[in-house]
Amino acid sequence: GVSAEAVTGAELRIAVVRMDVIQQEATVLKDLRSQRESYEKQLR
């Protein structure tokens, strides 16, 4: 049932995304980490 068709080099469009960088640089994730640190400070 496997097709013999495959993507050729001319058709293939690839991109790379660094999720670890997004976790460190995105504003919303910085804010979220700040909230967690605030609760951890209260706990300590």
ModelCIF file with pLDDT and N, C-alpha, C, O atoms, coordinates in Angstrom:
data_MODEL
#
_entry.id   MODEL 
#
_entity.id                         1 
_entity.type                       polymer 
_entity.pdbx_number_of_molecules   1 
#
_entity_poly.entity_id                      1 
_entity_poly.type                           'polypeptide(L)' 
_entity_poly.nstd_linkage                   no 
_entity_poly.nstd_monomer                   no 
_entity_poly.pdbx_seq_one_letter_code       GVSAEAVTGAELRIAVVRMDVIQQEATVLKDLRSQRESYEKQLR 
_entity_poly.pdbx_seq_one_letter_code_can   GVSAEAVTGAELRIAVVRMDVIQQEATVLKDLRSQRESYEKQLR 
_entity_poly.pdbx_strand_id                 A 
#
loop_
_entity_poly_seq.entity_id 
_entity_poly_seq.num 
_entity_poly_seq.mon_id 
_entity_poly_seq.hetero 
1 1  GLY n 
1 2  VAL n 
1 3  SER n 
1 4  ALA n 
1 5  GLU n 
1 6  ALA n 
1 7  VAL n 
1 8  THR n 
1 9  GLY n 
1 10 ALA n 
1 11 GLU n 
1 12 LEU n 
1 13 ARG n 
1 14 ILE n 
1 15 ALA n 
1 16 VAL n 
1 17 VAL n 
1 18 ARG n 
1 19 MET n 
1 20 ASP n 
1 21 VAL n 
1 22 ILE n 
1 23 GLN n 
1 24 GLN n 
1 25 GLU n 
1 26 ALA n 
1 27 THR n 
1 28 VAL n 
1 29 LEU n 
1 30 LYS n 
1 31 ASP n 
1 32 LEU n 
1 33 ARG n 
1 34 SER n 
1 35 GLN n 
1 36 ARG n 
1 37 GLU n 
1 38 SER n 
1 39 TYR n 
1 40 GLU n 
1 41 LYS n 
1 42 GLN n 
1 43 LEU n 
1 44 ARG n 
#
_struct_asym.id          A 
_struct_asym.entity_id   1 
#
loop_
_ma_qa_metric.id 
_ma_qa_metric.mode 
_ma_qa_metric.name 
_ma_qa_metric.software_group_id 
_ma_qa_metric.type 
1 global pLDDT . pLDDT 
2 local  pLDDT . pLDDT 
#
_ma_qa_metric_global.metric_id      1 
_ma_qa_metric_global.metric_value   90.45 
_ma_qa_metric_global.model_id       1 
_ma_qa_metric_global.ordinal_id     1 
#
loop_
_ma_qa_metric_local.label_asym_id 
_ma_qa_metric_local.label_comp_id 
_ma_qa_metric_local.label_seq_id 
_ma_qa_metric_local.metric_id 
_ma_qa_metric_local.metric_value 
_ma_qa_metric_local.model_id 
_ma_qa_metric_local.ordinal_id 
A GLY 1  2 87.00 1 1  
A VAL 2  2 84.00 1 2  
A SER 3  2 84.00 1 3  
A ALA 4  2 84.00 1 4  
A GLU 5  2 83.00 1 5  
A ALA 6  2 78.00 1 6  
A VAL 7  2 72.00 1 7  
A THR 8  2 78.00 1 8  
A GLY 9  2 72.00 1 9  
A ALA 10 2 76.00 1 10 
A GLU 11 2 78.00 1 11 
A LEU 12 2 85.00 1 12 
A ARG 13 2 88.00 1 13 
A ILE 14 2 88.00 1 14 
A ALA 15 2 90.00 1 15 
A VAL 16 2 90.00 1 16 
A VAL 17 2 92.00 1 17 
A ARG 18 2 91.00 1 18 
A MET 19 2 92.00 1 19 
A ASP 20 2 92.00 1 20 
A VAL 21 2 93.00 1 21 
A ILE 22 2 95.00 1 22 
A GLN 23 2 93.00 1 23 
A GLN 24 2 94.00 1 24 
A GLU 25 2 95.00 1 25 
A ALA 26 2 97.00 1 26 
A THR 27 2 97.00 1 27 
A VAL 28 2 97.00 1 28 
A LEU 29 2 97.00 1 29 
A LYS 30 2 97.00 1 30 
A ASP 31 2 97.00 1 31 
A LEU 32 2 97.00 1 32 
A ARG 33 2 97.00 1 33 
A SER 34 2 97.00 1 34 
A GLN 35 2 97.00 1 35 
A ARG 36 2 97.00 1 36 
A GLU 37 2 97.00 1 37 
A SER 38 2 96.00 1 38 
A TYR 39 2 96.00 1 39 
A GLU 40 2 95.00 1 40 
A LYS 41 2 95.00 1 41 
A GLN 42 2 94.00 1 42 
A LEU 43 2 93.00 1 43 
A ARG 44 2 93.00 1 44 
#
loop_
_atom_site.group_PDB 
_atom_site.id 
_atom_site.type_symbol 
_atom_site.label_atom_id 
_atom_site.label_alt_id 
_atom_site.label_comp_id 
_atom_site.label_asym_id 
_atom_site.label_entity_id 
_atom_site.label_seq_id 
_atom_site.pdbx_PDB_ins_code 
_atom_site.Cartn_x 
_atom_site.Cartn_y 
_atom_site.Cartn_z 
_atom_site.occupancy 
_atom_site.B_iso_or_equiv 
_atom_site.pdbx_formal_charge 
_atom_site.auth_seq_id 
_atom_site.auth_comp_id 
_atom_site.auth_asym_id 
_atom_site.auth_atom_id 
_atom_site.pdbx_PDB_model_num 
ATOM 1   N N  . GLY A 1 1  ? 0.792  -1.228 0.000  1.00 87.00 ? 1  GLY A N  1 
ATOM 2   C CA . GLY A 1 1  ? 0.000  0.000  0.000  1.00 87.00 ? 1  GLY A CA 1 
ATOM 3   C C  . GLY A 1 1  ? 0.820  1.272  0.000  1.00 87.00 ? 1  GLY A C  1 
ATOM 4   O O  . GLY A 1 1  ? 0.261  2.368  0.011  1.00 87.00 ? 1  GLY A O  1 
ATOM 5   N N  . VAL A 1 2  ? 2.138  1.143  -0.012 1.00 84.00 ? 2  VAL A N  1 
ATOM 6   C CA . VAL A 1 2  ? 3.015  2.323  -0.001 1.00 84.00 ? 2  VAL A CA 1 
ATOM 7   C C  . VAL A 1 2  ? 3.173  2.870  -1.404 1.00 84.00 ? 2  VAL A C  1 
ATOM 8   O O  . VAL A 1 2  ? 3.450  2.129  -2.348 1.00 84.00 ? 2  VAL A O  1 
ATOM 9   N N  . SER A 1 3  ? 2.992  4.183  -1.533 1.00 84.00 ? 3  SER A N  1 
ATOM 10  C CA . SER A 1 3  ? 3.127  4.820  -2.834 1.00 84.00 ? 3  SER A CA 1 
ATOM 11  C C  . SER A 1 3  ? 4.588  4.937  -3.233 1.00 84.00 ? 3  SER A C  1 
ATOM 12  O O  . SER A 1 3  ? 5.467  5.078  -2.383 1.00 84.00 ? 3  SER A O  1 
ATOM 13  N N  . ALA A 1 4  ? 4.836  4.877  -4.526 1.00 84.00 ? 4  ALA A N  1 
ATOM 14  C CA . ALA A 1 4  ? 6.205  5.025  -5.045 1.00 84.00 ? 4  ALA A CA 1 
ATOM 15  C C  . ALA A 1 4  ? 6.602  6.488  -5.190 1.00 84.00 ? 4  ALA A C  1 
ATOM 16  O O  . ALA A 1 4  ? 7.753  6.801  -5.494 1.00 84.00 ? 4  ALA A O  1 
ATOM 17  N N  . GLU A 1 5  ? 5.635  7.386  -4.970 1.00 83.00 ? 5  GLU A N  1 
ATOM 18  C CA . GLU A 1 5  ? 5.914  8.814  -5.119 1.00 83.00 ? 5  GLU A CA 1 
ATOM 19  C C  . GLU A 1 5  ? 6.705  9.343  -3.928 1.00 83.00 ? 5  GLU A C  1 
ATOM 20  O O  . GLU A 1 5  ? 6.530  8.876  -2.803 1.00 83.00 ? 5  GLU A O  1 
ATOM 21  N N  . ALA A 1 6  ? 7.578  10.321 -4.179 1.00 78.00 ? 6  ALA A N  1 
ATOM 22  C CA . ALA A 1 6  ? 8.377  10.941 -3.123 1.00 78.00 ? 6  ALA A CA 1 
ATOM 23  C C  . ALA A 1 6  ? 8.653  12.395 -3.502 1.00 78.00 ? 6  ALA A C  1 
ATOM 24  O O  . ALA A 1 6  ? 8.589  12.781 -4.669 1.00 78.00 ? 6  ALA A O  1 
ATOM 25  N N  . VAL A 1 7  ? 8.960  13.179 -2.482 1.00 72.00 ? 7  VAL A N  1 
ATOM 26  C CA . VAL A 1 7  ? 9.248  14.594 -2.725 1.00 72.00 ? 7  VAL A CA 1 
ATOM 27  C C  . VAL A 1 7  ? 10.612 14.733 -3.382 1.00 72.00 ? 7  VAL A C  1 
ATOM 28  O O  . VAL A 1 7  ? 11.578 14.089 -2.971 1.00 72.00 ? 7  VAL A O  1 
ATOM 29  N N  . THR A 1 8  ? 10.686 15.572 -4.398 1.00 78.00 ? 8  THR A N  1 
ATOM 30  C CA . THR A 1 8  ? 11.966 15.813 -5.054 1.00 78.00 ? 8  THR A CA 1 
ATOM 31  C C  . THR A 1 8  ? 12.637 17.031 -4.435 1.00 78.00 ? 8  THR A C  1 
ATOM 32  O O  . THR A 1 8  ? 12.001 17.812 -3.728 1.00 78.00 ? 8  THR A O  1 
ATOM 33  N N  . GLY A 1 9  ? 13.911 17.180 -4.706 1.00 72.00 ? 9  GLY A N  1 
ATOM 34  C CA . GLY A 1 9  ? 14.664 18.294 -4.131 1.00 72.00 ? 9  GLY A CA 1 
ATOM 35  C C  . GLY A 1 9  ? 14.100 19.647 -4.498 1.00 72.00 ? 9  GLY A C  1 
ATOM 36  O O  . GLY A 1 9  ? 14.136 20.574 -3.688 1.00 72.00 ? 9  GLY A O  1 
ATOM 37  N N  . ALA A 1 10 ? 13.585 19.775 -5.696 1.00 76.00 ? 10 ALA A N  1 
ATOM 38  C CA . ALA A 1 10 ? 13.054 21.062 -6.150 1.00 76.00 ? 10 ALA A CA 1 
ATOM 39  C C  . ALA A 1 10 ? 11.779 21.436 -5.408 1.00 76.00 ? 10 ALA A C  1 
ATOM 40  O O  . ALA A 1 10 ? 11.475 22.618 -5.249 1.00 76.00 ? 10 ALA A O  1 
ATOM 41  N N  . GLU A 1 11 ? 11.027 20.426 -4.951 1.00 78.00 ? 11 GLU A N  1 
ATOM 42  C CA . GLU A 1 11 ? 9.752  20.679 -4.285 1.00 78.00 ? 11 GLU A CA 1 
ATOM 43  C C  . GLU A 1 11 ? 9.899  20.844 -2.774 1.00 78.00 ? 11 GLU A C  1 
ATOM 44  O O  . GLU A 1 11 ? 9.030  21.435 -2.131 1.00 78.00 ? 11 GLU A O  1 
ATOM 45  N N  . LEU A 1 12 ? 10.981 20.332 -2.203 1.00 85.00 ? 12 LEU A N  1 
ATOM 46  C CA . LEU A 1 12 ? 11.143 20.311 -0.764 1.00 85.00 ? 12 LEU A CA 1 
ATOM 47  C C  . LEU A 1 12 ? 11.596 21.669 -0.237 1.00 85.00 ? 12 LEU A C  1 
ATOM 48  O O  . LEU A 1 12 ? 12.628 22.199 -0.650 1.00 85.00 ? 12 LEU A O  1 
ATOM 49  N N  . ARG A 1 13 ? 10.796 22.228 0.695  1.00 88.00 ? 13 ARG A N  1 
ATOM 50  C CA . ARG A 1 13 ? 11.122 23.511 1.327  1.00 88.00 ? 13 ARG A CA 1 
ATOM 51  C C  . ARG A 1 13 ? 11.185 23.294 2.835  1.00 88.00 ? 13 ARG A C  1 
ATOM 52  O O  . ARG A 1 13 ? 10.184 22.971 3.475  1.00 88.00 ? 13 ARG A O  1 
ATOM 53  N N  . ILE A 1 14 ? 12.379 23.477 3.387  1.00 88.00 ? 14 ILE A N  1 
ATOM 54  C CA . ILE A 1 14 ? 12.632 23.145 4.788  1.00 88.00 ? 14 ILE A CA 1 
ATOM 55  C C  . ILE A 1 14 ? 12.983 24.391 5.586  1.00 88.00 ? 14 ILE A C  1 
ATOM 56  O O  . ILE A 1 14 ? 13.598 25.323 5.067  1.00 88.00 ? 14 ILE A O  1 
ATOM 57  N N  . ALA A 1 15 ? 12.579 24.397 6.872  1.00 90.00 ? 15 ALA A N  1 
ATOM 58  C CA . ALA A 1 15 ? 12.954 25.471 7.791  1.00 90.00 ? 15 ALA A CA 1 
ATOM 59  C C  . ALA A 1 15 ? 13.329 24.873 9.134  1.00 90.00 ? 15 ALA A C  1 
ATOM 60  O O  . ALA A 1 15 ? 12.920 23.763 9.476  1.00 90.00 ? 15 ALA A O  1 
ATOM 61  N N  . VAL A 1 16 ? 14.108 25.621 9.882  1.00 90.00 ? 16 VAL A N  1 
ATOM 62  C CA . VAL A 1 16 ? 14.555 25.205 11.202 1.00 90.00 ? 16 VAL A CA 1 
ATOM 63  C C  . VAL A 1 16 ? 14.069 26.203 12.233 1.00 90.00 ? 16 VAL A C  1 
ATOM 64  O O  . VAL A 1 16 ? 14.146 27.412 12.016 1.00 90.00 ? 16 VAL A O  1 
ATOM 65  N N  . VAL A 1 17 ? 13.561 25.700 13.370 1.00 92.00 ? 17 VAL A N  1 
ATOM 66  C CA . VAL A 1 17 ? 13.131 26.590 14.454 1.00 92.00 ? 17 VAL A CA 1 
ATOM 67  C C  . VAL A 1 17 ? 13.740 26.094 15.761 1.00 92.00 ? 17 VAL A C  1 
ATOM 68  O O  . VAL A 1 17 ? 13.647 24.911 16.088 1.00 92.00 ? 17 VAL A O  1 
ATOM 69  N N  . ARG A 1 18 ? 14.360 27.000 16.501 1.00 91.00 ? 18 ARG A N  1 
ATOM 70  C CA . ARG A 1 18 ? 14.993 26.662 17.775 1.00 91.00 ? 18 ARG A CA 1 
ATOM 71  C C  . ARG A 1 18 ? 13.999 26.908 18.905 1.00 91.00 ? 18 ARG A C  1 
ATOM 72  O O  . ARG A 1 18 ? 13.813 28.044 19.341 1.00 91.00 ? 18 ARG A O  1 
ATOM 73  N N  . MET A 1 19 ? 13.365 25.842 19.374 1.00 92.00 ? 19 MET A N  1 
ATOM 74  C CA . MET A 1 19 ? 12.370 25.978 20.428 1.00 92.00 ? 19 MET A CA 1 
ATOM 75  C C  . MET A 1 19 ? 12.990 26.434 21.744 1.00 92.00 ? 19 MET A C  1 
ATOM 76  O O  . MET A 1 19 ? 12.346 27.133 22.526 1.00 92.00 ? 19 MET A O  1 
ATOM 77  N N  . ASP A 1 20 ? 14.250 26.039 21.992 1.00 92.00 ? 20 ASP A N  1 
ATOM 78  C CA . ASP A 1 20 ? 14.904 26.465 23.221 1.00 92.00 ? 20 ASP A CA 1 
ATOM 79  C C  . ASP A 1 20 ? 15.132 27.975 23.242 1.00 92.00 ? 20 ASP A C  1 
ATOM 80  O O  . ASP A 1 20 ? 15.044 28.610 24.292 1.00 92.00 ? 20 ASP A O  1 
ATOM 81  N N  . VAL A 1 21 ? 15.427 28.543 22.067 1.00 93.00 ? 21 VAL A N  1 
ATOM 82  C CA . VAL A 1 21 ? 15.615 29.999 21.970 1.00 93.00 ? 21 VAL A CA 1 
ATOM 83  C C  . VAL A 1 21 ? 14.291 30.717 22.191 1.00 93.00 ? 21 VAL A C  1 
ATOM 84  O O  . VAL A 1 21 ? 14.237 31.734 22.883 1.00 93.00 ? 21 VAL A O  1 
ATOM 85  N N  . ILE A 1 22 ? 13.220 30.185 21.599 1.00 95.00 ? 22 ILE A N  1 
ATOM 86  C CA . ILE A 1 22 ? 11.898 30.785 21.773 1.00 95.00 ? 22 ILE A CA 1 
ATOM 87  C C  . ILE A 1 22 ? 11.506 30.772 23.250 1.00 95.00 ? 22 ILE A C  1 
ATOM 88  O O  . ILE A 1 22 ? 10.960 31.754 23.752 1.00 95.00 ? 22 ILE A O  1 
ATOM 89  N N  . GLN A 1 23 ? 11.775 29.682 23.938 1.00 93.00 ? 23 GLN A N  1 
ATOM 90  C CA . GLN A 1 23 ? 11.454 29.580 25.372 1.00 93.00 ? 23 GLN A CA 1 
ATOM 91  C C  . GLN A 1 23 ? 12.181 30.644 26.191 1.00 93.00 ? 23 GLN A C  1 
ATOM 92  O O  . GLN A 1 23 ? 11.656 31.136 27.190 1.00 93.00 ? 23 GLN A O  1 
ATOM 93  N N  . GLN A 1 24 ? 13.392 30.994 25.758 1.00 94.00 ? 24 GLN A N  1 
ATOM 94  C CA . GLN A 1 24 ? 14.179 31.987 26.490 1.00 94.00 ? 24 GLN A CA 1 
ATOM 95  C C  . GLN A 1 24 ? 13.851 33.417 26.089 1.00 94.00 ? 24 GLN A C  1 
ATOM 96  O O  . GLN A 1 24 ? 13.928 34.323 26.919 1.00 94.00 ? 24 GLN A O  1 
ATOM 97  N N  . GLU A 1 25 ? 13.483 33.634 24.825 1.00 95.00 ? 25 GLU A N  1 
ATOM 98  C CA . GLU A 1 25 ? 13.347 34.995 24.300 1.00 95.00 ? 25 GLU A CA 1 
ATOM 99  C C  . GLU A 1 25 ? 11.908 35.510 24.193 1.00 95.00 ? 25 GLU A C  1 
ATOM 100 O O  . GLU A 1 25 ? 11.696 36.722 24.228 1.00 95.00 ? 25 GLU A O  1 
ATOM 101 N N  . ALA A 1 26 ? 10.934 34.643 24.066 1.00 97.00 ? 26 ALA A N  1 
ATOM 102 C CA . ALA A 1 26 ? 9.545  35.098 23.902 1.00 97.00 ? 26 ALA A CA 1 
ATOM 103 C C  . ALA A 1 26 ? 9.075  35.841 25.150 1.00 97.00 ? 26 ALA A C  1 
ATOM 104 O O  . ALA A 1 26 ? 9.282  35.375 26.271 1.00 97.00 ? 26 ALA A O  1 
ATOM 105 N N  . THR A 1 27 ? 8.446  36.989 24.952 1.00 97.00 ? 27 THR A N  1 
ATOM 106 C CA . THR A 1 27 ? 8.011  37.844 26.066 1.00 97.00 ? 27 THR A CA 1 
ATOM 107 C C  . THR A 1 27 ? 7.049  37.127 26.996 1.00 97.00 ? 27 THR A C  1 
ATOM 108 O O  . THR A 1 27 ? 7.181  37.221 28.217 1.00 97.00 ? 27 THR A O  1 
ATOM 109 N N  . VAL A 1 28 ? 6.088  36.417 26.438 1.00 97.00 ? 28 VAL A N  1 
ATOM 110 C CA . VAL A 1 28 ? 5.081  35.744 27.256 1.00 97.00 ? 28 VAL A CA 1 
ATOM 111 C C  . VAL A 1 28 ? 5.708  34.654 28.123 1.00 97.00 ? 28 VAL A C  1 
ATOM 112 O O  . VAL A 1 28 ? 5.262  34.419 29.246 1.00 97.00 ? 28 VAL A O  1 
ATOM 113 N N  . LEU A 1 29 ? 6.733  33.992 27.607 1.00 97.00 ? 29 LEU A N  1 
ATOM 114 C CA . LEU A 1 29 ? 7.376  32.923 28.380 1.00 97.00 ? 29 LEU A CA 1 
ATOM 115 C C  . LEU A 1 29 ? 8.297  33.499 29.453 1.00 97.00 ? 29 LEU A C  1 
ATOM 116 O O  . LEU A 1 29 ? 8.454  32.906 30.519 1.00 97.00 ? 29 LEU A O  1 
ATOM 117 N N  . LYS A 1 30 ? 8.899  34.643 29.177 1.00 97.00 ? 30 LYS A N  1 
ATOM 118 C CA . LYS A 1 30 ? 9.669  35.324 30.222 1.00 97.00 ? 30 LYS A CA 1 
ATOM 119 C C  . LYS A 1 30 ? 8.750  35.727 31.375 1.00 97.00 ? 30 LYS A C  1 
ATOM 120 O O  . LYS A 1 30 ? 9.086  35.556 32.547 1.00 97.00 ? 30 LYS A O  1 
ATOM 121 N N  . ASP A 1 31 ? 7.578  36.270 31.014 1.00 97.00 ? 31 ASP A N  1 
ATOM 122 C CA . ASP A 1 31 ? 6.608  36.686 32.027 1.00 97.00 ? 31 ASP A CA 1 
ATOM 123 C C  . ASP A 1 31 ? 6.116  35.493 32.839 1.00 97.00 ? 31 ASP A C  1 
ATOM 124 O O  . ASP A 1 31 ? 5.930  35.595 34.051 1.00 97.00 ? 31 ASP A O  1 
ATOM 125 N N  . LEU A 1 32 ? 5.906  34.365 32.168 1.00 97.00 ? 32 LEU A N  1 
ATOM 126 C CA . LEU A 1 32 ? 5.424  33.167 32.850 1.00 97.00 ? 32 LEU A CA 1 
ATOM 127 C C  . LEU A 1 32 ? 6.476  32.644 33.839 1.00 97.00 ? 32 LEU A C  1 
ATOM 128 O O  . LEU A 1 32 ? 6.142  32.251 34.957 1.00 97.00 ? 32 LEU A O  1 
ATOM 129 N N  . ARG A 1 33 ? 7.717  32.645 33.428 1.00 97.00 ? 33 ARG A N  1 
ATOM 130 C CA . ARG A 1 33 ? 8.790  32.212 34.340 1.00 97.00 ? 33 ARG A CA 1 
ATOM 131 C C  . ARG A 1 33 ? 8.890  33.146 35.545 1.00 97.00 ? 33 ARG A C  1 
ATOM 132 O O  . ARG A 1 33 ? 9.165  32.704 36.661 1.00 97.00 ? 33 ARG A O  1 
ATOM 133 N N  . SER A 1 34 ? 8.668  34.427 35.311 1.00 97.00 ? 34 SER A N  1 
ATOM 134 C CA . SER A 1 34 ? 8.711  35.402 36.401 1.00 97.00 ? 34 SER A CA 1 
ATOM 135 C C  . SER A 1 34 ? 7.614  35.115 37.427 1.00 97.00 ? 34 SER A C  1 
ATOM 136 O O  . SER A 1 34 ? 7.835  35.240 38.632 1.00 97.00 ? 34 SER A O  1 
ATOM 137 N N  . GLN A 1 35 ? 6.426  34.728 36.941 1.00 97.00 ? 35 GLN A N  1 
ATOM 138 C CA . GLN A 1 35 ? 5.325  34.387 37.847 1.00 97.00 ? 35 GLN A CA 1 
ATOM 139 C C  . GLN A 1 35 ? 5.680  33.159 38.682 1.00 97.00 ? 35 GLN A C  1 
ATOM 140 O O  . GLN A 1 35 ? 5.437  33.124 39.888 1.00 97.00 ? 35 GLN A O  1 
ATOM 141 N N  . ARG A 1 36 ? 6.254  32.159 38.028 1.00 97.00 ? 36 ARG A N  1 
ATOM 142 C CA . ARG A 1 36 ? 6.632  30.949 38.759 1.00 97.00 ? 36 ARG A CA 1 
ATOM 143 C C  . ARG A 1 36 ? 7.673  31.268 39.824 1.00 97.00 ? 36 ARG A C  1 
ATOM 144 O O  . ARG A 1 36 ? 7.573  30.788 40.953 1.00 97.00 ? 36 ARG A O  1 
ATOM 145 N N  . GLU A 1 37 ? 8.662  32.067 39.478 1.00 97.00 ? 37 GLU A N  1 
ATOM 146 C CA . GLU A 1 37 ? 9.708  32.444 40.431 1.00 97.00 ? 37 GLU A CA 1 
ATOM 147 C C  . GLU A 1 37 ? 9.129  33.205 41.622 1.00 97.00 ? 37 GLU A C  1 
ATOM 148 O O  . GLU A 1 37 ? 9.624  33.075 42.742 1.00 97.00 ? 37 GLU A O  1 
ATOM 149 N N  . SER A 1 38 ? 8.077  34.004 41.387 1.00 96.00 ? 38 SER A N  1 
ATOM 150 C CA . SER A 1 38 ? 7.439  34.756 42.471 1.00 96.00 ? 38 SER A CA 1 
ATOM 151 C C  . SER A 1 38 ? 6.786  33.802 43.469 1.00 96.00 ? 38 SER A C  1 
ATOM 152 O O  . SER A 1 38 ? 6.914  33.979 44.681 1.00 96.00 ? 38 SER A O  1 
ATOM 153 N N  . TYR A 1 39 ? 6.086  32.790 42.952 1.00 96.00 ? 39 TYR A N  1 
ATOM 154 C CA . TYR A 1 39 ? 5.465  31.798 43.838 1.00 96.00 ? 39 TYR A CA 1 
ATOM 155 C C  . TYR A 1 39 ? 6.530  30.984 44.574 1.00 96.00 ? 39 TYR A C  1 
ATOM 156 O O  . TYR A 1 39 ? 6.365  30.669 45.753 1.00 96.00 ? 39 TYR A O  1 
ATOM 157 N N  . GLU A 1 40 ? 7.608  30.647 43.893 1.00 95.00 ? 40 GLU A N  1 
ATOM 158 C CA . GLU A 1 40 ? 8.684  29.890 44.542 1.00 95.00 ? 40 GLU A CA 1 
ATOM 159 C C  . GLU A 1 40 ? 9.342  30.714 45.650 1.00 95.00 ? 40 GLU A C  1 
ATOM 160 O O  . GLU A 1 40 ? 9.747  30.172 46.679 1.00 95.00 ? 40 GLU A O  1 
ATOM 161 N N  . LYS A 1 41 ? 9.444  32.010 45.435 1.00 95.00 ? 41 LYS A N  1 
ATOM 162 C CA . LYS A 1 41 ? 10.002 32.896 46.457 1.00 95.00 ? 41 LYS A CA 1 
ATOM 163 C C  . LYS A 1 41 ? 9.093  32.923 47.691 1.00 95.00 ? 41 LYS A C  1 
ATOM 164 O O  . LYS A 1 41 ? 9.571  32.886 48.824 1.00 95.00 ? 41 LYS A O  1 
ATOM 165 N N  . GLN A 1 42 ? 7.770  32.987 47.456 1.00 94.00 ? 42 GLN A N  1 
ATOM 166 C CA . GLN A 1 42 ? 6.816  32.943 48.572 1.00 94.00 ? 42 GLN A CA 1 
ATOM 167 C C  . GLN A 1 42 ? 6.942  31.632 49.338 1.00 94.00 ? 42 GLN A C  1 
ATOM 168 O O  . GLN A 1 42 ? 6.863  31.603 50.566 1.00 94.00 ? 42 GLN A O  1 
ATOM 169 N N  . LEU A 1 43 ? 7.136  30.560 48.598 1.00 93.00 ? 43 LEU A N  1 
ATOM 170 C CA . LEU A 1 43 ? 7.257  29.246 49.226 1.00 93.00 ? 43 LEU A CA 1 
ATOM 171 C C  . LEU A 1 43 ? 8.517  29.177 50.091 1.00 93.00 ? 43 LEU A C  1 
ATOM 172 O O  . LEU A 1 43 ? 8.476  28.649 51.202 1.00 93.00 ? 43 LEU A O  1 
ATOM 173 N N  . ARG A 1 44 ? 9.620  29.700 49.594 1.00 93.00 ? 44 ARG A N  1 
ATOM 174 C CA . ARG A 1 44 ? 10.862 29.705 50.374 1.00 93.00 ? 44 ARG A CA 1 
ATOM 175 C C  . ARG A 1 44 ? 10.722 30.562 51.628 1.00 93.00 ? 44 ARG A C  1 
ATOM 176 O O  . ARG A 1 44 ? 11.671 30.681 52.404 1.00 93.00 ? 44 ARG A O  1 
#
